[in-house]
């Protein structure tokens, strides 16, 4: 078995967990929120460990990192759809936040495509912190249907992450993935 099977399997798991979250949300049962929390948590853990395992096994490639980024986008988009299927009353408070982050993500990818002909995939520290903030926020959203201050804290972290991703892309001479921070970037 090739060493890259484990990290790729974790990425594929996350790709499948996203649509599974939507399927669970469509089954408006008493246990849907808890099943969603478990699926969400397994998806986040898979995101944490795919990169760690790939680096330890020395199979971390730009292709794997790009697909990891794509899996993240699909996973979190699916988690967002699922939470709104379960709690439609959230949309007025979450809609502007989501639209802003989607626009920022789109601008970053468009800028990266314009500069390098491929999507951005920096995997910087702020993006990791944002993912953990989203994890906590979505657990709260699934279980309570309430956003409150965690929504705005996660949004602020997400906006800072997008700004740093843009700065990383602007400072790179050639495309690269896994750039820890704009402050630790060799031009």
N, C-alpha and C. Protein backbone atom coordinates (compact mmCIF):
# COMPACT_ATOMS: atom_id res chain seq x y z
N UNK A 1 0.84 -1.18 0.00
CA UNK A 1 0.00 0.00 0.00
C UNK A 1 0.89 1.24 0.00
N UNK A 2 0.67 2.16 -0.94
CA UNK A 2 1.48 3.39 -0.98
C UNK A 2 1.26 4.22 0.29
N UNK A 3 2.32 4.89 0.71
CA UNK A 3 2.25 5.71 1.93
C UNK A 3 1.25 6.86 1.80
N UNK A 4 0.98 7.30 0.59
CA UNK A 4 0.09 8.44 0.41
C UNK A 4 -1.40 8.09 0.57
N UNK A 5 -1.71 6.80 0.72
CA UNK A 5 -3.11 6.38 0.82
C UNK A 5 -3.78 7.00 2.05
N UNK A 6 -3.10 7.05 3.16
CA UNK A 6 -3.74 7.55 4.39
C UNK A 6 -4.13 9.02 4.26
N UNK A 7 -3.19 9.92 3.89
CA UNK A 7 -3.63 11.31 3.77
C UNK A 7 -4.70 11.52 2.71
N UNK A 8 -4.58 10.82 1.58
CA UNK A 8 -5.60 10.95 0.54
C UNK A 8 -6.95 10.43 1.05
N UNK A 9 -6.95 9.36 1.81
CA UNK A 9 -8.19 8.82 2.36
C UNK A 9 -8.85 9.82 3.30
N UNK A 10 -8.06 10.54 4.06
CA UNK A 10 -8.62 11.55 4.96
C UNK A 10 -9.24 12.71 4.18
N UNK A 11 -8.61 13.09 3.07
CA UNK A 11 -9.18 14.14 2.22
C UNK A 11 -10.49 13.66 1.60
N UNK A 12 -10.50 12.44 1.10
CA UNK A 12 -11.72 11.88 0.49
C UNK A 12 -12.82 11.74 1.54
N UNK A 13 -12.44 11.34 2.75
CA UNK A 13 -13.43 11.25 3.82
C UNK A 13 -14.12 12.60 4.02
N UNK A 14 -13.33 13.67 4.05
CA UNK A 14 -13.89 15.01 4.24
C UNK A 14 -14.80 15.40 3.06
N UNK A 15 -14.41 15.00 1.85
CA UNK A 15 -15.26 15.26 0.69
C UNK A 15 -16.62 14.57 0.83
N UNK A 16 -16.63 13.40 1.43
CA UNK A 16 -17.87 12.65 1.60
C UNK A 16 -18.65 13.11 2.84
N UNK A 17 -17.94 13.57 3.86
CA UNK A 17 -18.60 14.00 5.10
C UNK A 17 -19.46 15.23 4.85
N UNK A 18 -19.04 16.11 3.94
CA UNK A 18 -19.83 17.31 3.66
C UNK A 18 -21.23 16.98 3.18
N UNK A 19 -21.38 16.24 2.08
CA UNK A 19 -22.73 15.86 1.64
C UNK A 19 -23.49 15.02 2.68
N UNK A 20 -22.75 14.24 3.48
CA UNK A 20 -23.42 13.46 4.54
C UNK A 20 -24.05 14.40 5.57
N UNK A 21 -23.39 15.53 5.85
CA UNK A 21 -23.98 16.51 6.77
C UNK A 21 -25.31 17.03 6.23
N UNK A 22 -25.35 17.29 4.93
CA UNK A 22 -26.60 17.78 4.32
C UNK A 22 -27.67 16.70 4.41
N UNK A 23 -27.31 15.46 4.13
CA UNK A 23 -28.28 14.35 4.20
C UNK A 23 -28.84 14.22 5.62
N UNK A 24 -27.99 14.35 6.62
CA UNK A 24 -28.45 14.26 8.01
C UNK A 24 -29.40 15.42 8.32
N UNK A 25 -29.05 16.61 7.86
CA UNK A 25 -29.89 17.79 8.13
C UNK A 25 -31.28 17.65 7.50
N UNK A 26 -31.36 16.96 6.39
CA UNK A 26 -32.65 16.76 5.72
C UNK A 26 -33.56 15.79 6.48
N UNK A 27 -32.98 15.04 7.40
CA UNK A 27 -33.75 14.06 8.19
C UNK A 27 -34.19 14.66 9.51
N UNK A 28 -34.77 15.73 9.58
CA UNK A 28 -35.10 16.46 10.81
C UNK A 28 -35.52 15.53 11.96
N UNK A 29 -34.56 14.86 12.55
CA UNK A 29 -34.83 13.99 13.69
C UNK A 29 -34.23 14.61 14.95
N UNK A 30 -34.57 14.03 16.08
CA UNK A 30 -34.03 14.53 17.34
C UNK A 30 -32.52 14.34 17.45
N UNK A 31 -32.02 13.36 16.76
CA UNK A 31 -30.59 13.08 16.86
C UNK A 31 -29.76 13.74 15.75
N UNK A 32 -30.42 14.43 14.81
CA UNK A 32 -29.70 15.02 13.67
C UNK A 32 -28.60 15.98 14.12
N UNK A 33 -28.86 16.80 15.14
CA UNK A 33 -27.86 17.76 15.60
C UNK A 33 -26.63 17.04 16.13
N UNK A 34 -26.84 16.00 16.92
CA UNK A 34 -25.70 15.27 17.48
C UNK A 34 -24.94 14.49 16.42
N UNK A 35 -25.64 13.90 15.47
CA UNK A 35 -24.97 13.21 14.36
C UNK A 35 -24.15 14.23 13.56
N UNK A 36 -24.71 15.42 13.35
CA UNK A 36 -23.99 16.47 12.63
C UNK A 36 -22.73 16.89 13.38
N UNK A 37 -22.82 17.01 14.69
CA UNK A 37 -21.64 17.37 15.49
C UNK A 37 -20.56 16.30 15.35
N UNK A 38 -20.94 15.04 15.37
CA UNK A 38 -19.97 13.94 15.23
C UNK A 38 -19.33 13.98 13.84
N UNK A 39 -20.16 14.10 12.79
CA UNK A 39 -19.62 14.16 11.42
C UNK A 39 -18.71 15.37 11.24
N UNK A 40 -19.15 16.52 11.74
CA UNK A 40 -18.36 17.73 11.67
C UNK A 40 -17.01 17.52 12.35
N UNK A 41 -17.03 16.96 13.54
CA UNK A 41 -15.80 16.75 14.31
C UNK A 41 -14.87 15.78 13.61
N UNK A 42 -15.42 14.71 13.05
CA UNK A 42 -14.58 13.76 12.30
C UNK A 42 -13.97 14.44 11.07
N UNK A 43 -14.74 15.31 10.41
CA UNK A 43 -14.22 16.05 9.26
C UNK A 43 -13.09 16.98 9.66
N UNK A 44 -13.25 17.68 10.77
CA UNK A 44 -12.20 18.60 11.23
C UNK A 44 -10.95 17.81 11.63
N UNK A 45 -11.14 16.71 12.34
CA UNK A 45 -9.99 15.88 12.74
C UNK A 45 -9.28 15.34 11.50
N UNK A 46 -10.04 14.95 10.48
CA UNK A 46 -9.40 14.47 9.24
C UNK A 46 -8.59 15.58 8.59
N UNK A 47 -9.08 16.82 8.69
CA UNK A 47 -8.36 17.96 8.13
C UNK A 47 -7.06 18.22 8.90
N UNK A 48 -7.11 18.06 10.18
CA UNK A 48 -5.91 18.28 11.00
C UNK A 48 -4.85 17.22 10.67
N UNK A 49 -5.28 15.97 10.61
CA UNK A 49 -4.30 14.89 10.49
C UNK A 49 -3.85 14.57 9.07
N UNK A 50 -4.60 14.97 8.04
CA UNK A 50 -4.14 14.66 6.68
C UNK A 50 -2.78 15.30 6.41
N UNK A 51 -2.63 16.55 6.80
CA UNK A 51 -1.36 17.24 6.58
C UNK A 51 -0.25 16.74 7.47
N UNK A 52 -0.56 16.49 8.73
CA UNK A 52 0.46 15.98 9.67
C UNK A 52 0.99 14.64 9.18
N UNK A 53 0.08 13.75 8.81
CA UNK A 53 0.49 12.42 8.35
C UNK A 53 1.26 12.51 7.04
N UNK A 54 0.78 13.35 6.13
CA UNK A 54 1.47 13.49 4.84
C UNK A 54 2.90 14.00 5.04
N UNK A 55 3.07 14.97 5.93
CA UNK A 55 4.44 15.48 6.17
C UNK A 55 5.31 14.42 6.84
N UNK A 56 4.76 13.70 7.80
CA UNK A 56 5.54 12.66 8.49
C UNK A 56 5.95 11.54 7.55
N UNK A 57 5.05 11.20 6.62
CA UNK A 57 5.35 10.14 5.65
C UNK A 57 6.11 10.66 4.43
N UNK A 58 6.34 11.98 4.42
CA UNK A 58 7.04 12.63 3.32
C UNK A 58 6.33 12.43 1.97
N UNK A 59 4.99 12.55 2.01
CA UNK A 59 4.19 12.43 0.79
C UNK A 59 3.33 13.68 0.58
N UNK A 60 3.67 14.76 1.27
CA UNK A 60 2.93 16.01 1.11
C UNK A 60 3.36 16.66 -0.21
N UNK A 61 2.45 16.66 -1.17
CA UNK A 61 2.73 17.21 -2.48
C UNK A 61 1.81 18.41 -2.73
N UNK A 62 2.18 19.28 -3.64
CA UNK A 62 1.27 20.38 -3.98
C UNK A 62 -0.11 19.88 -4.43
N UNK A 63 -0.16 18.76 -5.14
CA UNK A 63 -1.45 18.22 -5.58
C UNK A 63 -2.31 17.83 -4.37
N UNK A 64 -1.72 17.13 -3.40
CA UNK A 64 -2.46 16.75 -2.21
C UNK A 64 -2.93 17.98 -1.46
N UNK A 65 -2.10 19.00 -1.33
CA UNK A 65 -2.46 20.21 -0.60
C UNK A 65 -3.56 20.98 -1.32
N UNK A 66 -3.53 21.02 -2.66
CA UNK A 66 -4.60 21.69 -3.41
C UNK A 66 -5.93 20.96 -3.21
N UNK A 67 -5.89 19.62 -3.28
CA UNK A 67 -7.13 18.87 -3.08
C UNK A 67 -7.60 18.97 -1.63
N UNK A 68 -6.69 19.08 -0.71
CA UNK A 68 -7.05 19.32 0.69
C UNK A 68 -7.81 20.64 0.80
N UNK A 69 -7.32 21.67 0.13
CA UNK A 69 -8.01 22.96 0.15
C UNK A 69 -9.39 22.86 -0.48
N UNK A 70 -9.50 22.15 -1.58
CA UNK A 70 -10.80 21.98 -2.24
C UNK A 70 -11.77 21.21 -1.33
N UNK A 71 -11.25 20.18 -0.66
CA UNK A 71 -12.09 19.41 0.26
C UNK A 71 -12.57 20.30 1.40
N UNK A 72 -11.70 21.17 1.88
CA UNK A 72 -12.09 22.09 2.95
C UNK A 72 -13.25 22.98 2.52
N UNK A 73 -13.15 23.53 1.32
CA UNK A 73 -14.21 24.43 0.83
C UNK A 73 -15.53 23.66 0.71
N UNK A 74 -15.51 22.48 0.11
CA UNK A 74 -16.73 21.69 -0.03
C UNK A 74 -17.29 21.29 1.34
N UNK A 75 -16.41 20.89 2.23
CA UNK A 75 -16.83 20.45 3.56
C UNK A 75 -17.52 21.58 4.31
N UNK A 76 -16.88 22.76 4.35
CA UNK A 76 -17.47 23.87 5.11
C UNK A 76 -18.70 24.45 4.41
N UNK A 77 -18.73 24.42 3.09
CA UNK A 77 -19.94 24.85 2.38
C UNK A 77 -21.10 23.91 2.71
N UNK A 78 -20.83 22.62 2.73
CA UNK A 78 -21.86 21.63 3.07
C UNK A 78 -22.31 21.79 4.51
N UNK A 79 -21.35 22.02 5.42
CA UNK A 79 -21.70 22.22 6.83
C UNK A 79 -22.59 23.45 6.98
N UNK A 80 -22.31 24.48 6.19
CA UNK A 80 -23.11 25.71 6.24
C UNK A 80 -24.52 25.46 5.72
N UNK A 81 -24.63 24.76 4.61
CA UNK A 81 -25.95 24.42 4.07
C UNK A 81 -26.72 23.58 5.09
N UNK A 82 -26.05 22.61 5.68
CA UNK A 82 -26.71 21.73 6.65
C UNK A 82 -27.23 22.49 7.86
N UNK A 83 -26.42 23.39 8.40
CA UNK A 83 -26.86 24.12 9.59
C UNK A 83 -28.05 25.02 9.26
N UNK A 84 -28.10 25.55 8.04
CA UNK A 84 -29.23 26.39 7.66
C UNK A 84 -30.48 25.57 7.34
N UNK A 85 -30.30 24.34 6.90
CA UNK A 85 -31.45 23.45 6.73
C UNK A 85 -32.05 23.11 8.09
N UNK A 86 -31.19 22.92 9.08
CA UNK A 86 -31.65 22.58 10.42
C UNK A 86 -32.22 23.79 11.16
N UNK A 87 -31.63 24.95 10.91
CA UNK A 87 -32.01 26.17 11.63
C UNK A 87 -32.14 27.34 10.65
N UNK A 88 -33.20 27.37 9.84
CA UNK A 88 -33.33 28.42 8.83
C UNK A 88 -33.37 29.84 9.40
N UNK A 89 -33.76 29.98 10.65
CA UNK A 89 -33.82 31.31 11.27
C UNK A 89 -32.44 31.94 11.44
N UNK A 90 -31.38 31.16 11.26
CA UNK A 90 -30.01 31.70 11.37
C UNK A 90 -29.63 32.58 10.19
N UNK A 91 -30.26 32.37 9.05
CA UNK A 91 -29.82 33.03 7.82
C UNK A 91 -29.72 34.55 7.90
N UNK A 92 -30.65 35.26 8.50
CA UNK A 92 -30.49 36.73 8.56
C UNK A 92 -29.22 37.18 9.29
N UNK A 93 -28.80 36.46 10.33
CA UNK A 93 -27.59 36.87 11.05
C UNK A 93 -26.32 36.31 10.41
N UNK A 94 -26.41 35.13 9.80
CA UNK A 94 -25.21 34.53 9.22
C UNK A 94 -24.99 34.90 7.75
N UNK A 95 -26.07 35.25 7.06
CA UNK A 95 -25.98 35.53 5.62
C UNK A 95 -24.93 36.57 5.25
N UNK A 96 -24.93 37.76 5.88
CA UNK A 96 -23.93 38.77 5.52
C UNK A 96 -22.49 38.31 5.83
N UNK A 97 -22.32 37.59 6.93
CA UNK A 97 -20.99 37.08 7.29
C UNK A 97 -20.51 36.09 6.24
N UNK A 98 -21.38 35.16 5.88
CA UNK A 98 -21.03 34.14 4.88
C UNK A 98 -20.73 34.79 3.54
N UNK A 99 -21.57 35.73 3.12
CA UNK A 99 -21.37 36.40 1.82
C UNK A 99 -20.04 37.14 1.78
N UNK A 100 -19.69 37.79 2.88
CA UNK A 100 -18.41 38.51 2.94
C UNK A 100 -17.23 37.56 2.83
N UNK A 101 -17.28 36.46 3.58
CA UNK A 101 -16.16 35.50 3.54
C UNK A 101 -16.06 34.81 2.18
N UNK A 102 -17.20 34.51 1.56
CA UNK A 102 -17.18 33.91 0.22
C UNK A 102 -16.56 34.89 -0.78
N UNK A 103 -16.94 36.15 -0.68
CA UNK A 103 -16.38 37.16 -1.59
C UNK A 103 -14.86 37.28 -1.39
N UNK A 104 -14.42 37.30 -0.14
CA UNK A 104 -12.99 37.40 0.13
C UNK A 104 -12.24 36.17 -0.40
N UNK A 105 -12.82 34.99 -0.20
CA UNK A 105 -12.21 33.75 -0.71
C UNK A 105 -12.14 33.79 -2.23
N UNK A 106 -13.21 34.24 -2.87
CA UNK A 106 -13.24 34.35 -4.33
C UNK A 106 -12.19 35.31 -4.86
N UNK A 107 -12.04 36.44 -4.20
CA UNK A 107 -11.02 37.42 -4.60
C UNK A 107 -9.63 36.82 -4.47
N UNK A 108 -9.39 36.10 -3.37
CA UNK A 108 -8.07 35.47 -3.19
C UNK A 108 -7.77 34.46 -4.29
N UNK A 109 -8.76 33.63 -4.61
CA UNK A 109 -8.53 32.63 -5.66
C UNK A 109 -8.36 33.29 -7.03
N UNK A 110 -9.16 34.30 -7.31
CA UNK A 110 -9.02 35.01 -8.60
C UNK A 110 -7.64 35.67 -8.70
N UNK A 111 -7.19 36.26 -7.62
CA UNK A 111 -5.88 36.89 -7.61
C UNK A 111 -4.77 35.86 -7.82
N UNK A 112 -4.89 34.72 -7.14
CA UNK A 112 -3.90 33.66 -7.31
C UNK A 112 -3.91 33.11 -8.74
N UNK A 113 -5.11 32.91 -9.31
CA UNK A 113 -5.19 32.45 -10.71
C UNK A 113 -4.57 33.48 -11.65
N UNK A 114 -4.83 34.75 -11.40
CA UNK A 114 -4.26 35.80 -12.26
C UNK A 114 -2.74 35.82 -12.17
N UNK A 115 -2.20 35.60 -10.98
CA UNK A 115 -0.74 35.63 -10.81
C UNK A 115 -0.05 34.34 -11.23
N UNK A 116 -0.66 33.19 -10.85
CA UNK A 116 0.06 31.93 -11.00
C UNK A 116 -0.65 30.85 -11.81
N UNK A 117 -1.88 31.12 -12.24
CA UNK A 117 -2.61 30.13 -13.02
C UNK A 117 -3.16 28.98 -12.20
N UNK A 118 -3.23 29.12 -10.89
CA UNK A 118 -3.80 28.10 -10.00
C UNK A 118 -4.30 28.74 -8.73
N UNK A 119 -5.16 27.96 -8.03
CA UNK A 119 -5.80 28.52 -6.85
C UNK A 119 -4.81 28.67 -5.69
N UNK A 120 -5.16 29.58 -4.79
CA UNK A 120 -4.36 29.80 -3.59
C UNK A 120 -4.50 28.59 -2.67
N UNK A 121 -3.41 28.24 -1.98
CA UNK A 121 -3.42 27.13 -1.03
C UNK A 121 -2.33 27.33 0.02
N UNK A 122 -2.36 28.47 0.73
CA UNK A 122 -1.25 28.75 1.64
C UNK A 122 -1.23 27.91 2.91
N UNK A 123 -2.38 27.42 3.40
CA UNK A 123 -2.44 26.65 4.65
C UNK A 123 -1.69 27.36 5.77
N UNK A 124 -1.90 28.65 5.90
CA UNK A 124 -1.19 29.44 6.91
C UNK A 124 -1.85 29.28 8.29
N UNK A 125 -1.11 29.72 9.32
CA UNK A 125 -1.56 29.51 10.70
C UNK A 125 -2.92 30.13 10.98
N UNK A 126 -3.18 31.33 10.44
CA UNK A 126 -4.48 31.95 10.68
C UNK A 126 -5.62 31.14 10.08
N UNK A 127 -5.35 30.48 8.94
CA UNK A 127 -6.42 29.66 8.35
C UNK A 127 -6.70 28.44 9.23
N UNK A 128 -5.67 27.92 9.87
CA UNK A 128 -5.86 26.80 10.79
C UNK A 128 -6.64 27.25 12.03
N UNK A 129 -6.31 28.42 12.55
CA UNK A 129 -7.05 28.96 13.70
C UNK A 129 -8.51 29.22 13.32
N UNK A 130 -8.74 29.72 12.11
CA UNK A 130 -10.10 29.96 11.63
C UNK A 130 -10.87 28.64 11.56
N UNK A 131 -10.24 27.59 11.07
CA UNK A 131 -10.90 26.28 11.01
C UNK A 131 -11.32 25.79 12.39
N UNK A 132 -10.46 25.99 13.38
CA UNK A 132 -10.81 25.58 14.74
C UNK A 132 -11.95 26.44 15.30
N UNK A 133 -11.92 27.73 14.98
CA UNK A 133 -13.01 28.62 15.42
C UNK A 133 -14.33 28.20 14.77
N UNK A 134 -14.28 27.84 13.49
CA UNK A 134 -15.48 27.36 12.81
C UNK A 134 -16.01 26.09 13.46
N UNK A 135 -15.12 25.22 13.84
CA UNK A 135 -15.51 23.97 14.49
C UNK A 135 -16.35 24.27 15.74
N UNK A 136 -15.82 25.12 16.60
CA UNK A 136 -16.56 25.48 17.80
C UNK A 136 -17.87 26.18 17.49
N UNK A 137 -17.84 27.10 16.53
CA UNK A 137 -19.04 27.83 16.15
C UNK A 137 -20.10 26.88 15.62
N UNK A 138 -19.72 25.97 14.72
CA UNK A 138 -20.71 25.09 14.11
C UNK A 138 -21.28 24.10 15.12
N UNK A 139 -20.49 23.67 16.09
CA UNK A 139 -21.06 22.82 17.14
C UNK A 139 -22.16 23.59 17.85
N UNK A 140 -21.87 24.84 18.20
CA UNK A 140 -22.89 25.67 18.85
C UNK A 140 -24.11 25.86 17.95
N UNK A 141 -23.88 26.15 16.66
CA UNK A 141 -24.99 26.37 15.74
C UNK A 141 -25.86 25.12 15.59
N UNK A 142 -25.22 23.96 15.42
CA UNK A 142 -26.00 22.72 15.26
C UNK A 142 -26.83 22.42 16.50
N UNK A 143 -26.23 22.60 17.68
CA UNK A 143 -26.91 22.21 18.90
C UNK A 143 -27.92 23.22 19.41
N UNK A 144 -27.66 24.52 19.18
CA UNK A 144 -28.54 25.54 19.77
C UNK A 144 -29.30 26.37 18.73
N UNK A 145 -28.79 26.44 17.52
CA UNK A 145 -29.41 27.31 16.52
C UNK A 145 -29.15 28.78 16.79
N UNK A 146 -28.17 29.09 17.62
CA UNK A 146 -27.84 30.47 18.00
C UNK A 146 -26.38 30.77 17.62
N UNK A 147 -26.14 31.95 17.06
CA UNK A 147 -24.78 32.35 16.68
C UNK A 147 -24.10 33.14 17.77
N UNK A 148 -24.64 34.32 18.09
CA UNK A 148 -24.09 35.17 19.15
C UNK A 148 -22.66 35.60 18.87
N UNK A 149 -21.94 35.90 19.93
CA UNK A 149 -20.58 36.43 19.78
C UNK A 149 -19.62 35.45 19.10
N UNK A 150 -19.78 34.10 19.27
CA UNK A 150 -18.85 33.22 18.55
C UNK A 150 -18.92 33.39 17.03
N UNK A 151 -20.10 33.74 16.50
CA UNK A 151 -20.24 33.99 15.07
C UNK A 151 -19.34 35.15 14.64
N UNK A 152 -19.38 36.24 15.39
CA UNK A 152 -18.61 37.42 15.02
C UNK A 152 -17.12 37.24 15.29
N UNK A 153 -16.78 36.48 16.32
CA UNK A 153 -15.37 36.18 16.58
C UNK A 153 -14.79 35.31 15.45
N UNK A 154 -15.55 34.30 15.02
CA UNK A 154 -15.10 33.45 13.91
C UNK A 154 -15.00 34.27 12.62
N UNK A 155 -15.98 35.16 12.40
CA UNK A 155 -15.93 36.01 11.21
C UNK A 155 -14.68 36.88 11.21
N UNK A 156 -14.37 37.49 12.34
CA UNK A 156 -13.18 38.35 12.42
C UNK A 156 -11.92 37.54 12.12
N UNK A 157 -11.82 36.35 12.68
CA UNK A 157 -10.66 35.50 12.41
C UNK A 157 -10.62 35.08 10.94
N UNK A 158 -11.78 34.77 10.37
CA UNK A 158 -11.85 34.41 8.95
C UNK A 158 -11.43 35.56 8.05
N UNK A 159 -11.88 36.77 8.38
CA UNK A 159 -11.50 37.94 7.58
C UNK A 159 -10.00 38.19 7.66
N UNK A 160 -9.44 38.07 8.87
CA UNK A 160 -7.98 38.25 9.01
C UNK A 160 -7.23 37.17 8.24
N UNK A 161 -7.74 35.96 8.25
CA UNK A 161 -7.11 34.86 7.51
C UNK A 161 -7.12 35.14 6.01
N UNK A 162 -8.25 35.64 5.50
CA UNK A 162 -8.34 35.95 4.07
C UNK A 162 -7.40 37.09 3.69
N UNK A 163 -7.30 38.09 4.56
CA UNK A 163 -6.39 39.20 4.30
C UNK A 163 -4.95 38.70 4.27
N UNK A 164 -4.59 37.84 5.21
CA UNK A 164 -3.23 37.31 5.20
C UNK A 164 -2.98 36.43 3.97
N UNK A 165 -3.97 35.63 3.58
CA UNK A 165 -3.81 34.79 2.38
C UNK A 165 -3.56 35.67 1.15
N UNK A 166 -4.28 36.79 1.05
CA UNK A 166 -4.07 37.71 -0.06
C UNK A 166 -2.66 38.29 -0.01
N UNK A 167 -2.21 38.67 1.18
CA UNK A 167 -0.86 39.23 1.33
C UNK A 167 0.21 38.20 0.97
N UNK A 168 -0.01 36.95 1.34
CA UNK A 168 0.94 35.89 0.99
C UNK A 168 1.03 35.76 -0.53
N UNK A 169 -0.12 35.69 -1.20
CA UNK A 169 -0.14 35.56 -2.66
C UNK A 169 0.53 36.76 -3.31
N UNK A 170 0.30 37.95 -2.78
CA UNK A 170 0.90 39.16 -3.34
C UNK A 170 2.42 39.16 -3.21
N UNK A 171 2.94 38.57 -2.15
CA UNK A 171 4.38 38.60 -1.90
C UNK A 171 5.14 37.44 -2.53
N UNK A 172 4.46 36.37 -2.89
CA UNK A 172 5.15 35.22 -3.48
C UNK A 172 5.68 35.56 -4.87
N UNK A 173 6.85 35.06 -5.19
CA UNK A 173 7.39 35.21 -6.55
C UNK A 173 6.86 34.13 -7.47
N UNK A 174 6.65 32.94 -6.90
CA UNK A 174 6.07 31.82 -7.65
C UNK A 174 5.12 31.09 -6.72
N UNK A 175 4.14 30.37 -7.31
CA UNK A 175 3.13 29.71 -6.50
C UNK A 175 3.76 28.73 -5.54
N UNK A 176 3.22 28.69 -4.35
CA UNK A 176 3.68 27.75 -3.33
C UNK A 176 2.52 27.46 -2.39
N UNK A 177 2.48 26.25 -1.86
CA UNK A 177 1.49 25.93 -0.84
C UNK A 177 2.21 25.82 0.50
N UNK A 178 1.43 25.72 1.55
CA UNK A 178 1.99 25.57 2.90
C UNK A 178 2.93 26.70 3.29
N UNK A 179 2.46 27.91 3.20
CA UNK A 179 3.20 29.09 3.65
C UNK A 179 2.67 29.42 5.04
N UNK A 180 3.47 29.27 6.09
CA UNK A 180 2.93 29.40 7.45
C UNK A 180 2.39 30.78 7.80
N UNK A 181 2.99 31.82 7.26
CA UNK A 181 2.58 33.18 7.62
C UNK A 181 3.20 34.17 6.65
N UNK A 182 2.55 35.30 6.46
CA UNK A 182 3.12 36.35 5.63
C UNK A 182 4.41 36.87 6.28
N UNK A 183 4.50 36.73 7.61
CA UNK A 183 5.68 37.19 8.34
C UNK A 183 6.86 36.24 8.19
N UNK A 184 6.60 35.00 7.78
CA UNK A 184 7.67 34.01 7.61
C UNK A 184 7.77 33.59 6.15
N UNK A 185 7.83 34.58 5.30
CA UNK A 185 7.80 34.33 3.86
C UNK A 185 9.10 34.82 3.25
N UNK A 186 9.80 33.91 2.61
CA UNK A 186 10.99 34.33 1.85
C UNK A 186 10.49 34.77 0.50
N UNK A 187 10.80 35.97 0.12
CA UNK A 187 10.35 36.48 -1.17
C UNK A 187 11.16 35.84 -2.23
